[in-house]
C-alpha atoms as a PDB file:
ATOM      1  CA  UNK A   1       0.000   0.000   0.000  1.00  0.00           C
ATOM      2  CA  UNK A   2       1.228   3.472  -0.828  1.00  0.00           C
ATOM      3  CA  UNK A   3       0.711   6.872   0.775  1.00  0.00           C
ATOM      4  CA  UNK A   4      -1.715   7.889  -1.981  1.00  0.00           C
ATOM      5  CA  UNK A   5      -4.135   5.148  -0.850  1.00  0.00           C
ATOM      6  CA  UNK A   6      -4.207   6.620   2.664  1.00  0.00           C
ATOM      7  CA  UNK A   7      -4.559  10.162   1.327  1.00  0.00           C
ATOM      8  CA  UNK A   8      -7.405   9.189  -1.034  1.00  0.00           C
ATOM      9  CA  UNK A   9      -9.317   7.589   1.852  1.00  0.00           C
ATOM     10  CA  UNK A  10      -8.910  10.756   3.910  1.00  0.00           C
ATOM     11  CA  UNK A  11     -10.180  12.952   1.076  1.00  0.00           C
ATOM     12  CA  UNK A  12     -13.151  10.626   0.462  1.00  0.00           C
ATOM     13  CA  UNK A  13     -14.266  10.513   4.095  1.00  0.00           C
ATOM     14  CA  UNK A  14     -13.846  14.252   4.671  1.00  0.00           C
ATOM     15  CA  UNK A  15     -15.990  14.960   1.605  1.00  0.00           C
ATOM     16  CA  UNK A  16     -18.622  12.474   2.840  1.00  0.00           C
ATOM     17  CA  UNK A  17     -19.174  14.564   5.994  1.00  0.00           C
ATOM     18  CA  UNK A  18     -19.294  17.819   4.041  1.00  0.00           C
ATOM     19  CA  UNK A  19     -15.780  19.024   4.846  1.00  0.00           C
ATOM     20  CA  UNK A  20     -13.082  20.422   2.603  1.00  0.00           C
ATOM     21  CA  UNK A  21      -9.800  18.527   2.241  1.00  0.00           C
ATOM     22  CA  UNK A  22      -7.281  20.546   0.280  1.00  0.00           C
ATOM     23  CA  UNK A  23      -3.759  19.603  -0.696  1.00  0.00           C
ATOM     24  CA  UNK A  24      -1.603  21.904   1.441  1.00  0.00           C
ATOM     25  CA  UNK A  25       1.534  23.440  -0.049  1.00  0.00           C
ATOM     26  CA  UNK A  26       3.553  26.460   0.925  1.00  0.00           C
ATOM     27  CA  UNK A  27       5.851  27.808  -1.780  1.00  0.00           C
ATOM     28  CA  UNK A  28       9.489  27.801  -0.700  1.00  0.00           C
ATOM     29  CA  UNK A  29       8.720  25.857   2.509  1.00  0.00           C
ATOM     30  CA  UNK A  30       9.289  22.116   2.611  1.00  0.00           C
ATOM     31  CA  UNK A  31       7.973  19.795   5.295  1.00  0.00           C
ATOM     32  CA  UNK A  32       4.442  21.177   5.678  1.00  0.00           C
ATOM     33  CA  UNK A  33       1.601  18.672   6.219  1.00  0.00           C
ATOM     34  CA  UNK A  34       0.001  17.095   3.136  1.00  0.00           C
ATOM     35  CA  UNK A  35      -3.581  18.181   3.785  1.00  0.00           C
ATOM     36  CA  UNK A  36      -5.572  20.937   5.435  1.00  0.00           C
ATOM     37  CA  UNK A  37      -9.122  19.992   6.422  1.00  0.00           C
ATOM     38  CA  UNK A  38     -11.746  22.682   6.941  1.00  0.00           C
ATOM     39  CA  UNK A  39     -14.804  21.569   8.866  1.00  0.00           C
ATOM     40  CA  UNK A  40     -17.384  23.518  10.842  1.00  0.00           C
ATOM     41  CA  UNK A  41     -15.228  26.592  11.377  1.00  0.00           C
ATOM     42  CA  UNK A  42     -12.031  24.774  12.287  1.00  0.00           C
ATOM     43  CA  UNK A  43      -8.840  23.842  10.449  1.00  0.00           C
ATOM     44  CA  UNK A  44      -7.008  20.536  10.871  1.00  0.00           C
ATOM     45  CA  UNK A  45      -3.626  19.604   9.445  1.00  0.00           C
ATOM     46  CA  UNK A  46      -2.871  16.014   8.421  1.00  0.00           C
ATOM     47  CA  UNK A  47       0.331  14.339   7.308  1.00  0.00           C
ATOM     48  CA  UNK A  48      -0.348  11.140   5.370  1.00  0.00           C
ATOM     49  CA  UNK A  49       2.224   8.383   5.150  1.00  0.00           C
ATOM     50  CA  UNK A  50       2.480   4.887   3.742  1.00  0.00           C
ATOM     51  CA  UNK A  51       1.854   2.257   6.442  1.00  0.00           C
ATOM     52  CA  UNK A  52       4.696   2.165   8.949  1.00  0.00           C
ATOM     53  CA  UNK A  53       6.462   5.225   7.522  1.00  0.00           C
ATOM     54  CA  UNK A  54       7.328   8.127   9.816  1.00  0.00           C
ATOM     55  CA  UNK A  55       7.714  11.847   9.104  1.00  0.00           C
ATOM     56  CA  UNK A  56      11.158  12.988   7.995  1.00  0.00           C
ATOM     57  CA  UNK A  57      13.207  15.178  10.374  1.00  0.00           C
ATOM     58  CA  UNK A  58      12.248  18.386   8.538  1.00  0.00           C
ATOM     59  CA  UNK A  59       8.572  17.394   8.687  1.00  0.00           C
ATOM     60  CA  UNK A  60       8.844  16.718  12.423  1.00  0.00           C
ATOM     61  CA  UNK A  61      10.434  20.147  12.899  1.00  0.00           C
ATOM     62  CA  UNK A  62       7.641  21.888  10.967  1.00  0.00           C
ATOM     63  CA  UNK A  63       4.995  19.875  12.842  1.00  0.00           C
ATOM     64  CA  UNK A  64       6.514  20.970  16.179  1.00  0.00           C
ATOM     65  CA  UNK A  65       6.565  24.601  15.053  1.00  0.00           C
ATOM     66  CA  UNK A  66       2.908  24.387  14.067  1.00  0.00           C
ATOM     67  CA  UNK A  67       1.929  22.695  17.341  1.00  0.00           C
ATOM     68  CA  UNK A  68       3.710  25.442  19.301  1.00  0.00           C
ATOM     69  CA  UNK A  69       1.417  27.917  17.539  1.00  0.00           C
ATOM     70  CA  UNK A  70      -1.664  25.894  18.472  1.00  0.00           C
ATOM     71  CA  UNK A  71      -1.998  23.932  15.218  1.00  0.00           C
ATOM     72  CA  UNK A  72      -1.233  20.274  15.915  1.00  0.00           C
ATOM     73  CA  UNK A  73      -0.610  17.931  12.993  1.00  0.00           C
ATOM     74  CA  UNK A  74      -2.261  14.506  12.887  1.00  0.00           C
ATOM     75  CA  UNK A  75      -0.250  11.738  11.229  1.00  0.00           C
ATOM     76  CA  UNK A  76      -2.269   9.045   9.471  1.00  0.00           C
ATOM     77  CA  UNK A  77      -0.440   6.052   8.001  1.00  0.00           C
ATOM     78  CA  UNK A  78      -3.254   3.501   7.627  1.00  0.00           C
ATOM     79  CA  UNK A  79      -6.666   3.797   5.967  1.00  0.00           C
ATOM     80  CA  UNK A  80      -8.329   2.462   9.129  1.00  0.00           C
ATOM     81  CA  UNK A  81      -7.029   5.511  11.057  1.00  0.00           C
ATOM     82  CA  UNK A  82      -9.162   7.833   8.933  1.00  0.00           C
ATOM     83  CA  UNK A  83     -12.537   6.954  10.532  1.00  0.00           C
ATOM     84  CA  UNK A  84     -11.338   7.759  14.091  1.00  0.00           C
ATOM     85  CA  UNK A  85      -9.929  11.063  12.801  1.00  0.00           C
ATOM     86  CA  UNK A  86     -13.294  11.862  11.187  1.00  0.00           C
ATOM     87  CA  UNK A  87     -15.069  11.117  14.484  1.00  0.00           C
ATOM     88  CA  UNK A  88     -12.556  13.374  16.228  1.00  0.00           C
ATOM     89  CA  UNK A  89     -13.242  16.354  13.992  1.00  0.00           C
ATOM     90  CA  UNK A  90     -16.968  15.726  14.356  1.00  0.00           C
ATOM     91  CA  UNK A  91     -16.447  16.075  18.115  1.00  0.00           C
ATOM     92  CA  UNK A  92     -17.226  12.472  19.061  1.00  0.00           C
ATOM     93  CA  UNK A  93     -13.820  11.419  20.396  1.00  0.00           C
ATOM     94  CA  UNK A  94     -10.403  12.748  21.361  1.00  0.00           C
ATOM     95  CA  UNK A  95      -7.307  11.504  19.545  1.00  0.00           C
END
């Protein structure tokens, strides 16, 4: 399984609940999360990975910087992790 499979599942499930799941890029800045999700007045940042893969050092640094500003990054590396994330943004559970 590749990262794109995980990312496609995230996009599909976010759309199913009426959210927006945009590819997130920042010109001249590497290491930003793959996706920004907009749902009910809130923004969520998600890094997708192939199963078992971890963020690179630069990604971890950017994720820490974002978290310090109050914008945590969720890492999803398996399609089955998407549903719990969806429940989280719907307010049903804490991750």
